[in-house]
């Protein structure tokens, strides 16, 4: 299966452990030596703050091995015990 990075950015990211949406893909970490995706990066939680003015928490990095399924509209990840509130 082949998918473009631009297509990945349009997918809804869902944690299969609690059914919560995690947020959009902000960036992708690549291992250029191996030619593989290492992780997906989602924006940090910004509740109550204006991004860029008052700062924000660290980004959420999801290792590639935590990705369980890539579908047409959704990408399922396995993040047990992860409290992500978007």
Foldseek 3Di string as FASTA:
>chain_A
DDDDPVQQQQAFEAAPVPRDTQAGFPDWDADVVVGDTFWTWHQADAPPHDDPPPHGDDIDTAGPVQFDDDDNHHTYGHDPPDDGDD
